[in-house]
Amino acid sequence: MSTDDPSNAYSDPFKVVDYDPIWAKVFSNEHDLILSTIGQYVMTVEHVGSTSIPGLAAKPIIDIQVVVQDFSNLSQCIEGMTGIGYTYKGLLGIEGREYFKRPGFHVHMVQMGNDEYTRKTLFLKYLREHKDVCQEYAELKKRLAIKWNGHPSAHLEYNLDKTEFIMGVLTRAGWDPELKPEYLK
């Protein structure tokens, strides 16, 4: 039913584009669809990733974080999400996160307060509060998109090349780098 091979995570075309205000509306529509489908099992549905930050360049894929109290209803969530067109991908190497995708959307289901939730929340909050760092991140993303364009593992290599920057931001945001998960080592 799922795979934990990160190389199978991405099939969307690889590109980084300037911020598009329509992303907020696209998220809002998907938010409502997800809540109407699995809302009884989730605490919140959040717009995360670069498309959630006005002005930040991004791959034109809406990242959504579905926060659950625990994974006791995962099978019901998988059934609901696949019913609205998502493919369940499993952990894909990130402990504490269940991953779903469909064209244009990546959904990260996490448990409230776990490391994955905390890292993502701290990182995005820091970018929103520090416009200079956000701009630096946008420039890095554009450079890496050019560097990896056309490479068969573009998505994976692009993400790996962002790790040092992301870890630096997390450290400045107050996250303990000793807690660095295995997939970021």
N, C-alpha and C. Protein backbone atom coordinates (compact mmCIF):
# COMPACT_ATOMS: atom_id res chain seq x y z
N MET A 1 0.82 -1.20 0.00
CA MET A 1 0.00 0.00 0.00
C MET A 1 0.86 1.25 0.00
N SER A 2 2.02 1.22 0.65
CA SER A 2 2.85 2.41 0.71
C SER A 2 4.29 2.02 0.44
N THR A 3 5.10 3.03 0.30
CA THR A 3 6.51 2.81 0.12
C THR A 3 7.26 3.77 1.02
N ASP A 4 8.40 3.33 1.52
CA ASP A 4 9.21 4.22 2.34
C ASP A 4 10.44 4.67 1.57
N ASP A 5 10.44 4.55 0.25
CA ASP A 5 11.56 4.94 -0.59
C ASP A 5 11.39 6.40 -1.00
N PRO A 6 12.22 7.32 -0.45
CA PRO A 6 12.06 8.74 -0.76
C PRO A 6 12.21 9.07 -2.24
N SER A 7 12.89 8.25 -3.00
CA SER A 7 13.06 8.56 -4.42
C SER A 7 11.75 8.47 -5.19
N ASN A 8 10.75 7.82 -4.60
CA ASN A 8 9.44 7.71 -5.24
C ASN A 8 8.49 8.83 -4.82
N ALA A 9 8.96 9.79 -4.06
CA ALA A 9 8.08 10.81 -3.50
C ALA A 9 7.58 11.80 -4.53
N TYR A 10 8.41 12.14 -5.50
CA TYR A 10 8.10 13.25 -6.38
C TYR A 10 7.98 12.82 -7.83
N SER A 11 6.95 13.28 -8.46
CA SER A 11 6.85 13.10 -9.91
C SER A 11 6.39 14.39 -10.56
N ASP A 12 6.12 15.42 -9.75
CA ASP A 12 5.71 16.70 -10.29
C ASP A 12 6.88 17.33 -11.06
N PRO A 13 6.59 18.12 -12.07
CA PRO A 13 7.67 18.82 -12.77
C PRO A 13 8.45 19.67 -11.76
N PHE A 14 9.75 19.77 -11.95
CA PHE A 14 10.60 20.49 -11.01
C PHE A 14 10.82 21.92 -11.48
N LYS A 15 10.34 22.87 -10.70
CA LYS A 15 10.58 24.28 -10.98
C LYS A 15 10.30 25.08 -9.72
N VAL A 16 10.94 26.23 -9.63
CA VAL A 16 10.70 27.18 -8.55
C VAL A 16 10.25 28.47 -9.22
N VAL A 17 9.13 29.02 -8.73
CA VAL A 17 8.55 30.21 -9.33
C VAL A 17 8.35 31.28 -8.26
N ASP A 18 8.15 32.52 -8.69
CA ASP A 18 7.85 33.60 -7.74
C ASP A 18 6.51 33.33 -7.06
N TYR A 19 6.35 33.92 -5.89
CA TYR A 19 5.12 33.75 -5.12
C TYR A 19 3.89 34.11 -5.95
N ASP A 20 2.83 33.32 -5.78
CA ASP A 20 1.57 33.58 -6.46
C ASP A 20 0.47 33.67 -5.40
N PRO A 21 -0.22 34.80 -5.30
CA PRO A 21 -1.26 34.95 -4.27
C PRO A 21 -2.40 33.94 -4.39
N ILE A 22 -2.56 33.32 -5.53
CA ILE A 22 -3.63 32.34 -5.70
C ILE A 22 -3.41 31.11 -4.81
N TRP A 23 -2.16 30.88 -4.39
CA TRP A 23 -1.86 29.71 -3.56
C TRP A 23 -2.69 29.68 -2.28
N ALA A 24 -2.96 30.83 -1.70
CA ALA A 24 -3.77 30.88 -0.47
C ALA A 24 -5.18 30.37 -0.74
N LYS A 25 -5.77 30.75 -1.87
CA LYS A 25 -7.12 30.31 -2.22
C LYS A 25 -7.13 28.81 -2.56
N VAL A 26 -6.12 28.36 -3.28
CA VAL A 26 -6.01 26.94 -3.61
C VAL A 26 -5.94 26.12 -2.33
N PHE A 27 -5.12 26.59 -1.38
CA PHE A 27 -5.05 25.91 -0.08
C PHE A 27 -6.40 25.91 0.61
N SER A 28 -7.07 27.04 0.64
CA SER A 28 -8.36 27.15 1.32
C SER A 28 -9.36 26.13 0.79
N ASN A 29 -9.41 25.98 -0.52
CA ASN A 29 -10.33 25.00 -1.12
C ASN A 29 -9.95 23.58 -0.70
N GLU A 30 -8.65 23.28 -0.71
CA GLU A 30 -8.20 21.93 -0.34
C GLU A 30 -8.39 21.68 1.16
N HIS A 31 -8.18 22.70 1.96
CA HIS A 31 -8.42 22.64 3.40
C HIS A 31 -9.86 22.19 3.66
N ASP A 32 -10.80 22.84 2.98
CA ASP A 32 -12.21 22.51 3.17
C ASP A 32 -12.51 21.09 2.72
N LEU A 33 -11.92 20.66 1.61
CA LEU A 33 -12.12 19.30 1.12
C LEU A 33 -11.59 18.27 2.12
N ILE A 34 -10.39 18.49 2.62
CA ILE A 34 -9.80 17.55 3.58
C ILE A 34 -10.63 17.50 4.85
N LEU A 35 -11.03 18.65 5.37
CA LEU A 35 -11.84 18.67 6.59
C LEU A 35 -13.18 17.98 6.39
N SER A 36 -13.77 18.16 5.22
CA SER A 36 -15.06 17.51 4.98
C SER A 36 -14.91 16.00 4.84
N THR A 37 -13.70 15.54 4.56
CA THR A 37 -13.45 14.12 4.35
C THR A 37 -12.97 13.42 5.62
N ILE A 38 -11.99 14.00 6.33
CA ILE A 38 -11.42 13.33 7.51
C ILE A 38 -11.41 14.24 8.74
N GLY A 39 -12.20 15.29 8.72
CA GLY A 39 -12.19 16.28 9.80
C GLY A 39 -12.41 15.71 11.18
N GLN A 40 -13.18 14.64 11.29
CA GLN A 40 -13.45 14.08 12.62
C GLN A 40 -12.22 13.43 13.24
N TYR A 41 -11.17 13.21 12.43
CA TYR A 41 -9.96 12.55 12.93
C TYR A 41 -8.79 13.52 13.13
N VAL A 42 -8.95 14.77 12.76
CA VAL A 42 -7.82 15.70 12.78
C VAL A 42 -8.08 16.88 13.72
N MET A 43 -6.98 17.47 14.17
CA MET A 43 -7.06 18.65 15.03
C MET A 43 -7.09 19.92 14.21
N THR A 44 -6.25 19.96 13.17
CA THR A 44 -6.17 21.15 12.33
C THR A 44 -5.56 20.78 10.99
N VAL A 45 -5.83 21.61 10.00
CA VAL A 45 -5.25 21.48 8.66
C VAL A 45 -4.60 22.83 8.36
N GLU A 46 -3.27 22.79 8.12
CA GLU A 46 -2.50 24.03 8.00
C GLU A 46 -1.79 24.12 6.65
N HIS A 47 -1.71 25.33 6.13
CA HIS A 47 -0.94 25.60 4.92
C HIS A 47 0.50 25.79 5.37
N VAL A 48 1.40 24.94 4.90
CA VAL A 48 2.81 24.99 5.29
C VAL A 48 3.67 25.00 4.03
N GLY A 49 4.95 25.08 4.21
CA GLY A 49 5.83 25.11 3.06
C GLY A 49 5.92 26.50 2.49
N SER A 50 6.72 26.63 1.46
CA SER A 50 7.01 27.95 0.89
C SER A 50 5.80 28.64 0.29
N THR A 51 4.83 27.89 -0.24
CA THR A 51 3.65 28.53 -0.81
C THR A 51 2.80 29.22 0.24
N SER A 52 3.07 28.96 1.52
CA SER A 52 2.28 29.57 2.59
C SER A 52 2.83 30.93 3.04
N ILE A 53 3.99 31.33 2.49
CA ILE A 53 4.63 32.56 2.93
C ILE A 53 4.59 33.59 1.81
N PRO A 54 3.77 34.64 1.95
CA PRO A 54 3.70 35.66 0.90
C PRO A 54 5.09 36.20 0.55
N GLY A 55 5.37 36.24 -0.74
CA GLY A 55 6.62 36.77 -1.24
C GLY A 55 7.73 35.75 -1.43
N LEU A 56 7.54 34.53 -0.93
CA LEU A 56 8.60 33.53 -1.02
C LEU A 56 8.47 32.71 -2.30
N ALA A 57 9.55 32.60 -3.05
CA ALA A 57 9.57 31.73 -4.24
C ALA A 57 9.35 30.29 -3.79
N ALA A 58 8.73 29.49 -4.64
CA ALA A 58 8.39 28.13 -4.25
C ALA A 58 8.19 27.24 -5.46
N LYS A 59 8.29 25.93 -5.21
CA LYS A 59 7.78 24.99 -6.20
C LYS A 59 6.26 25.18 -6.14
N PRO A 60 5.57 25.21 -7.25
CA PRO A 60 4.12 25.47 -7.22
C PRO A 60 3.33 24.22 -6.79
N ILE A 61 3.64 23.76 -5.60
CA ILE A 61 2.99 22.61 -4.99
C ILE A 61 2.55 23.05 -3.60
N ILE A 62 1.29 22.87 -3.29
CA ILE A 62 0.77 23.30 -1.99
C ILE A 62 1.07 22.22 -0.96
N ASP A 63 1.89 22.58 0.04
CA ASP A 63 2.17 21.67 1.16
C ASP A 63 1.15 21.93 2.25
N ILE A 64 0.56 20.83 2.72
CA ILE A 64 -0.47 20.90 3.74
C ILE A 64 -0.06 20.01 4.90
N GLN A 65 -0.18 20.55 6.10
CA GLN A 65 0.10 19.76 7.30
C GLN A 65 -1.23 19.44 7.97
N VAL A 66 -1.53 18.16 8.05
CA VAL A 66 -2.72 17.69 8.75
C VAL A 66 -2.24 17.22 10.12
N VAL A 67 -2.72 17.86 11.16
CA VAL A 67 -2.27 17.56 12.51
C VAL A 67 -3.30 16.69 13.21
N VAL A 68 -2.81 15.58 13.76
CA VAL A 68 -3.68 14.65 14.49
C VAL A 68 -3.19 14.53 15.93
N GLN A 69 -4.08 14.13 16.81
CA GLN A 69 -3.71 13.89 18.21
C GLN A 69 -2.76 12.69 18.29
N ASP A 70 -3.08 11.65 17.53
CA ASP A 70 -2.23 10.46 17.43
C ASP A 70 -2.63 9.76 16.13
N PHE A 71 -1.97 8.65 15.85
CA PHE A 71 -2.23 7.96 14.58
C PHE A 71 -3.20 6.78 14.74
N SER A 72 -4.02 6.81 15.78
CA SER A 72 -4.94 5.69 16.02
C SER A 72 -6.00 5.58 14.92
N ASN A 73 -6.28 6.65 14.21
CA ASN A 73 -7.27 6.62 13.12
C ASN A 73 -6.61 6.71 11.74
N LEU A 74 -5.35 6.31 11.65
CA LEU A 74 -4.63 6.43 10.39
C LEU A 74 -5.32 5.67 9.26
N SER A 75 -5.81 4.48 9.52
CA SER A 75 -6.44 3.72 8.43
C SER A 75 -7.68 4.44 7.90
N GLN A 76 -8.45 5.09 8.77
CA GLN A 76 -9.60 5.86 8.30
C GLN A 76 -9.15 7.09 7.51
N CYS A 77 -8.05 7.70 7.94
CA CYS A 77 -7.52 8.86 7.22
C CYS A 77 -7.00 8.46 5.85
N ILE A 78 -6.31 7.32 5.79
CA ILE A 78 -5.82 6.83 4.49
C ILE A 78 -7.00 6.58 3.56
N GLU A 79 -8.02 5.93 4.06
CA GLU A 79 -9.20 5.64 3.23
C GLU A 79 -9.85 6.94 2.74
N GLY A 80 -9.99 7.92 3.63
CA GLY A 80 -10.59 9.19 3.24
C GLY A 80 -9.75 9.95 2.22
N MET A 81 -8.46 10.00 2.47
CA MET A 81 -7.57 10.74 1.57
C MET A 81 -7.48 10.07 0.20
N THR A 82 -7.41 8.76 0.16
CA THR A 82 -7.37 8.10 -1.14
C THR A 82 -8.70 8.27 -1.87
N GLY A 83 -9.79 8.41 -1.11
CA GLY A 83 -11.10 8.63 -1.70
C GLY A 83 -11.23 9.97 -2.40
N ILE A 84 -10.37 10.94 -2.04
CA ILE A 84 -10.41 12.25 -2.71
C ILE A 84 -9.20 12.43 -3.64
N GLY A 85 -8.59 11.31 -4.01
CA GLY A 85 -7.58 11.35 -5.05
C GLY A 85 -6.13 11.36 -4.61
N TYR A 86 -5.87 11.27 -3.33
CA TYR A 86 -4.49 11.24 -2.85
C TYR A 86 -3.93 9.83 -2.91
N THR A 87 -2.63 9.74 -3.10
CA THR A 87 -1.91 8.48 -3.01
C THR A 87 -1.17 8.49 -1.68
N TYR A 88 -1.33 7.42 -0.93
CA TYR A 88 -0.64 7.30 0.36
C TYR A 88 0.76 6.77 0.12
N LYS A 89 1.77 7.47 0.64
CA LYS A 89 3.17 7.12 0.41
C LYS A 89 3.88 6.61 1.66
N GLY A 90 3.22 6.62 2.82
CA GLY A 90 3.87 6.15 4.04
C GLY A 90 4.78 7.20 4.64
N LEU A 91 5.80 6.74 5.35
CA LEU A 91 6.71 7.64 6.05
C LEU A 91 7.70 8.32 5.11
N LEU A 92 8.13 7.62 4.08
CA LEU A 92 9.16 8.12 3.16
C LEU A 92 10.39 8.62 3.90
N GLY A 93 10.81 7.85 4.88
CA GLY A 93 12.05 8.14 5.58
C GLY A 93 11.95 9.18 6.68
N ILE A 94 10.77 9.70 6.94
CA ILE A 94 10.61 10.72 7.99
C ILE A 94 9.71 10.15 9.08
N GLU A 95 10.33 9.72 10.16
CA GLU A 95 9.60 9.16 11.29
C GLU A 95 8.64 10.20 11.86
N GLY A 96 7.41 9.79 12.11
CA GLY A 96 6.44 10.69 12.71
C GLY A 96 5.64 11.49 11.72
N ARG A 97 5.80 11.16 10.43
CA ARG A 97 5.04 11.86 9.40
C ARG A 97 4.51 10.83 8.41
N GLU A 98 3.23 10.91 8.11
CA GLU A 98 2.62 10.10 7.07
C GLU A 98 2.40 11.02 5.87
N TYR A 99 2.74 10.54 4.70
CA TYR A 99 2.79 11.40 3.51
C TYR A 99 1.76 10.96 2.47
N PHE A 100 1.07 11.95 1.91
CA PHE A 100 0.09 11.74 0.85
C PHE A 100 0.39 12.74 -0.27
N LYS A 101 0.07 12.37 -1.49
CA LYS A 101 0.25 13.35 -2.57
C LYS A 101 -0.77 13.12 -3.67
N ARG A 102 -1.00 14.18 -4.38
CA ARG A 102 -1.72 14.16 -5.64
C ARG A 102 -1.19 15.35 -6.41
N PRO A 103 -1.40 15.40 -7.70
CA PRO A 103 -0.82 16.50 -8.48
C PRO A 103 -1.13 17.87 -7.86
N GLY A 104 -0.07 18.61 -7.58
CA GLY A 104 -0.21 19.95 -7.03
C GLY A 104 -0.27 20.04 -5.52
N PHE A 105 -0.33 18.89 -4.84
CA PHE A 105 -0.49 18.89 -3.38
C PHE A 105 0.36 17.81 -2.73
N HIS A 106 0.99 18.19 -1.62
CA HIS A 106 1.68 17.23 -0.76
C HIS A 106 1.10 17.41 0.64
N VAL A 107 0.65 16.33 1.23
CA VAL A 107 0.06 16.38 2.57
C VAL A 107 0.95 15.62 3.54
N HIS A 108 1.30 16.31 4.62
CA HIS A 108 2.15 15.75 5.67
C HIS A 108 1.28 15.60 6.91
N MET A 109 0.95 14.37 7.27
CA MET A 109 0.14 14.14 8.47
C MET A 109 1.10 13.89 9.64
N VAL A 110 0.97 14.73 10.66
CA VAL A 110 1.87 14.64 11.81
C VAL A 110 1.06 14.68 13.10
N GLN A 111 1.69 14.18 14.14
CA GLN A 111 1.08 14.22 15.47
C GLN A 111 1.40 15.55 16.13
N MET A 112 0.42 16.16 16.75
CA MET A 112 0.59 17.44 17.43
C MET A 112 1.79 17.37 18.37
N GLY A 113 2.72 18.33 18.19
CA GLY A 113 3.85 18.45 19.09
C GLY A 113 5.03 17.55 18.81
N ASN A 114 4.94 16.66 17.81
CA ASN A 114 6.11 15.81 17.55
C ASN A 114 7.20 16.64 16.88
N ASP A 115 8.38 16.03 16.71
CA ASP A 115 9.53 16.77 16.18
C ASP A 115 9.25 17.36 14.80
N GLU A 116 8.61 16.62 13.94
CA GLU A 116 8.33 17.11 12.58
C GLU A 116 7.42 18.34 12.63
N TYR A 117 6.39 18.28 13.47
CA TYR A 117 5.49 19.42 13.65
C TYR A 117 6.26 20.64 14.18
N THR A 118 7.07 20.41 15.21
CA THR A 118 7.81 21.49 15.85
C THR A 118 8.79 22.14 14.88
N ARG A 119 9.56 21.34 14.15
CA ARG A 119 10.52 21.88 13.19
C ARG A 119 9.84 22.75 12.14
N LYS A 120 8.79 22.22 11.55
CA LYS A 120 8.11 22.95 10.48
C LYS A 120 7.52 24.26 11.01
N THR A 121 6.91 24.21 12.18
CA THR A 121 6.29 25.39 12.77
C THR A 121 7.33 26.46 13.08
N LEU A 122 8.45 26.07 13.70
CA LEU A 122 9.52 27.02 14.02
C LEU A 122 10.12 27.65 12.77
N PHE A 123 10.38 26.82 11.77
CA PHE A 123 11.00 27.30 10.54
C PHE A 123 10.12 28.34 9.84
N LEU A 124 8.86 28.01 9.65
CA LEU A 124 7.96 28.93 8.95
C LEU A 124 7.73 30.22 9.74
N LYS A 125 7.61 30.09 11.05
CA LYS A 125 7.43 31.28 11.89
C LYS A 125 8.64 32.20 11.76
N TYR A 126 9.83 31.63 11.77
CA TYR A 126 11.05 32.42 11.67
C TYR A 126 11.11 33.14 10.32
N LEU A 127 10.79 32.44 9.24
CA LEU A 127 10.80 33.07 7.92
C LEU A 127 9.79 34.21 7.85
N ARG A 128 8.62 34.02 8.43
CA ARG A 128 7.59 35.07 8.40
C ARG A 128 8.03 36.31 9.19
N GLU A 129 8.78 36.09 10.26
CA GLU A 129 9.19 37.19 11.13
C GLU A 129 10.50 37.85 10.70
N HIS A 130 11.25 37.22 9.80
CA HIS A 130 12.56 37.73 9.38
C HIS A 130 12.59 37.79 7.85
N LYS A 131 12.12 38.90 7.31
CA LYS A 131 11.99 39.05 5.86
C LYS A 131 13.33 38.92 5.14
N ASP A 132 14.42 39.35 5.78
CA ASP A 132 15.73 39.23 5.15
C ASP A 132 16.13 37.76 4.99
N VAL A 133 15.84 36.95 5.98
CA VAL A 133 16.14 35.52 5.91
C VAL A 133 15.22 34.85 4.88
N CYS A 134 13.99 35.29 4.84
CA CYS A 134 13.05 34.76 3.84
C CYS A 134 13.56 35.05 2.43
N GLN A 135 14.05 36.26 2.21
CA GLN A 135 14.59 36.63 0.90
C GLN A 135 15.83 35.81 0.57
N GLU A 136 16.68 35.60 1.54
CA GLU A 136 17.88 34.77 1.35
C GLU A 136 17.49 33.34 0.97
N TYR A 137 16.45 32.83 1.62
CA TYR A 137 15.96 31.48 1.31
C TYR A 137 15.40 31.42 -0.11
N ALA A 138 14.67 32.45 -0.50
CA ALA A 138 14.11 32.50 -1.87
C ALA A 138 15.23 32.46 -2.90
N GLU A 139 16.29 33.23 -2.67
CA GLU A 139 17.42 33.25 -3.60
C GLU A 139 18.12 31.89 -3.66
N LEU A 140 18.28 31.26 -2.50
CA LEU A 140 18.88 29.92 -2.47
C LEU A 140 18.04 28.93 -3.27
N LYS A 141 16.75 28.96 -3.07
CA LYS A 141 15.84 28.05 -3.77
C LYS A 141 15.94 28.23 -5.29
N LYS A 142 16.01 29.47 -5.74
CA LYS A 142 16.12 29.73 -7.18
C LYS A 142 17.45 29.23 -7.73
N ARG A 143 18.54 29.46 -6.99
CA ARG A 143 19.85 28.96 -7.44
C ARG A 143 19.86 27.43 -7.52
N LEU A 144 19.29 26.78 -6.52
CA LEU A 144 19.27 25.32 -6.50
C LEU A 144 18.36 24.75 -7.60
N ALA A 145 17.29 25.45 -7.90
CA ALA A 145 16.41 25.00 -8.98
C ALA A 145 17.16 25.01 -10.31
N ILE A 146 17.97 26.02 -10.53
CA ILE A 146 18.78 26.09 -11.75
C ILE A 146 19.82 24.97 -11.74
N LYS A 147 20.47 24.81 -10.59
CA LYS A 147 21.52 23.79 -10.46
C LYS A 147 21.00 22.39 -10.77
N TRP A 148 19.81 22.05 -10.26
CA TRP A 148 19.30 20.68 -10.37
C TRP A 148 18.30 20.48 -11.49
N ASN A 149 17.97 21.51 -12.24
CA ASN A 149 17.01 21.39 -13.33
C ASN A 149 17.44 20.29 -14.30
N GLY A 150 16.54 19.38 -14.59
CA GLY A 150 16.79 18.31 -15.54
C GLY A 150 17.46 17.09 -14.95
N HIS A 151 17.89 17.15 -13.72
CA HIS A 151 18.53 16.00 -13.07
C HIS A 151 17.45 14.99 -12.68
N PRO A 152 17.72 13.69 -12.86
CA PRO A 152 16.69 12.69 -12.55
C PRO A 152 16.27 12.68 -11.08
N SER A 153 17.13 13.12 -10.19
CA SER A 153 16.80 13.19 -8.76
C SER A 153 16.71 14.63 -8.29
N ALA A 154 16.21 15.50 -9.15
CA ALA A 154 16.20 16.94 -8.87
C ALA A 154 15.54 17.27 -7.54
N HIS A 155 14.36 16.74 -7.29
CA HIS A 155 13.65 17.07 -6.04
C HIS A 155 14.46 16.67 -4.82
N LEU A 156 14.99 15.47 -4.84
CA LEU A 156 15.75 14.96 -3.70
C LEU A 156 17.03 15.78 -3.49
N GLU A 157 17.77 16.00 -4.55
CA GLU A 157 19.03 16.76 -4.43
C GLU A 157 18.77 18.21 -4.00
N TYR A 158 17.75 18.82 -4.55
CA TYR A 158 17.35 20.18 -4.18
C TYR A 158 17.06 20.25 -2.68
N ASN A 159 16.28 19.29 -2.19
CA ASN A 159 15.94 19.28 -0.76
C ASN A 159 17.18 19.05 0.11
N LEU A 160 18.04 18.16 -0.31
CA LEU A 160 19.27 17.91 0.46
C LEU A 160 20.14 19.16 0.50
N ASP A 161 20.22 19.88 -0.61
CA ASP A 161 21.05 21.09 -0.66
C ASP A 161 20.50 22.23 0.19
N LYS A 162 19.25 22.19 0.57
CA LYS A 162 18.66 23.21 1.43
C LYS A 162 18.88 22.92 2.91
N THR A 163 19.32 21.72 3.24
CA THR A 163 19.39 21.27 4.62
C THR A 163 20.22 22.19 5.51
N GLU A 164 21.41 22.57 5.07
CA GLU A 164 22.28 23.40 5.91
C GLU A 164 21.61 24.74 6.24
N PHE A 165 20.98 25.35 5.24
CA PHE A 165 20.29 26.62 5.46
C PHE A 165 19.14 26.42 6.46
N ILE A 166 18.35 25.39 6.25
CA ILE A 166 17.20 25.12 7.11
C ILE A 166 17.66 24.86 8.55
N MET A 167 18.71 24.07 8.71
CA MET A 167 19.22 23.79 10.05
C MET A 167 19.72 25.07 10.72
N GLY A 168 20.34 25.97 9.96
CA GLY A 168 20.79 27.24 10.52
C GLY A 168 19.62 28.08 11.00
N VAL A 169 18.57 28.13 10.20
CA VAL A 169 17.38 28.89 10.60
C VAL A 169 16.75 28.27 11.85
N LEU A 170 16.65 26.95 11.88
CA LEU A 170 16.06 26.29 13.04
C LEU A 170 16.87 26.57 14.31
N THR A 171 18.17 26.58 14.18
CA THR A 171 19.02 26.87 15.34
C THR A 171 18.77 28.29 15.83
N ARG A 172 18.71 29.26 14.90
CA ARG A 172 18.42 30.65 15.28
C ARG A 172 17.03 30.79 15.89
N ALA A 173 16.11 29.90 15.47
CA ALA A 173 14.73 29.94 15.98
C ALA A 173 14.60 29.30 17.35
N GLY A 174 15.71 28.68 17.83
CA GLY A 174 15.67 28.10 19.17
C GLY A 174 15.56 26.59 19.22
N TRP A 175 15.64 25.94 18.07
CA TRP A 175 15.55 24.48 18.05
C TRP A 175 16.93 23.89 18.34
N ASP A 176 16.98 22.81 19.08
CA ASP A 176 18.24 22.18 19.46
C ASP A 176 18.74 21.30 18.31
N PRO A 177 19.88 21.65 17.68
CA PRO A 177 20.38 20.86 16.55
C PRO A 177 20.77 19.44 16.92
N GLU A 178 20.94 19.18 18.21
CA GLU A 178 21.22 17.80 18.65
C GLU A 178 20.02 16.90 18.40
N LEU A 179 18.86 17.50 18.22
CA LEU A 179 17.64 16.73 17.94
C LEU A 179 17.48 16.42 16.46
N LYS A 180 18.49 16.73 15.68
CA LYS A 180 18.45 16.53 14.22
C LYS A 180 18.05 15.09 13.89
N PRO A 181 16.98 14.93 13.13
CA PRO A 181 16.53 13.57 12.81
C PRO A 181 17.49 12.88 11.84
N GLU A 182 17.40 11.58 11.81
CA GLU A 182 18.29 10.76 11.01
C GLU A 182 18.28 11.17 9.53
N TYR A 183 17.13 11.50 8.98
CA TYR A 183 17.05 11.83 7.56
C TYR A 183 17.73 13.15 7.21
N LEU A 184 18.07 13.97 8.20
CA LEU A 184 18.78 15.22 7.94
C LEU A 184 20.27 15.13 8.24
N LYS A 185 20.73 13.96 8.65
CA LYS A 185 22.16 13.79 8.98
C LYS A 185 22.96 13.47 7.75
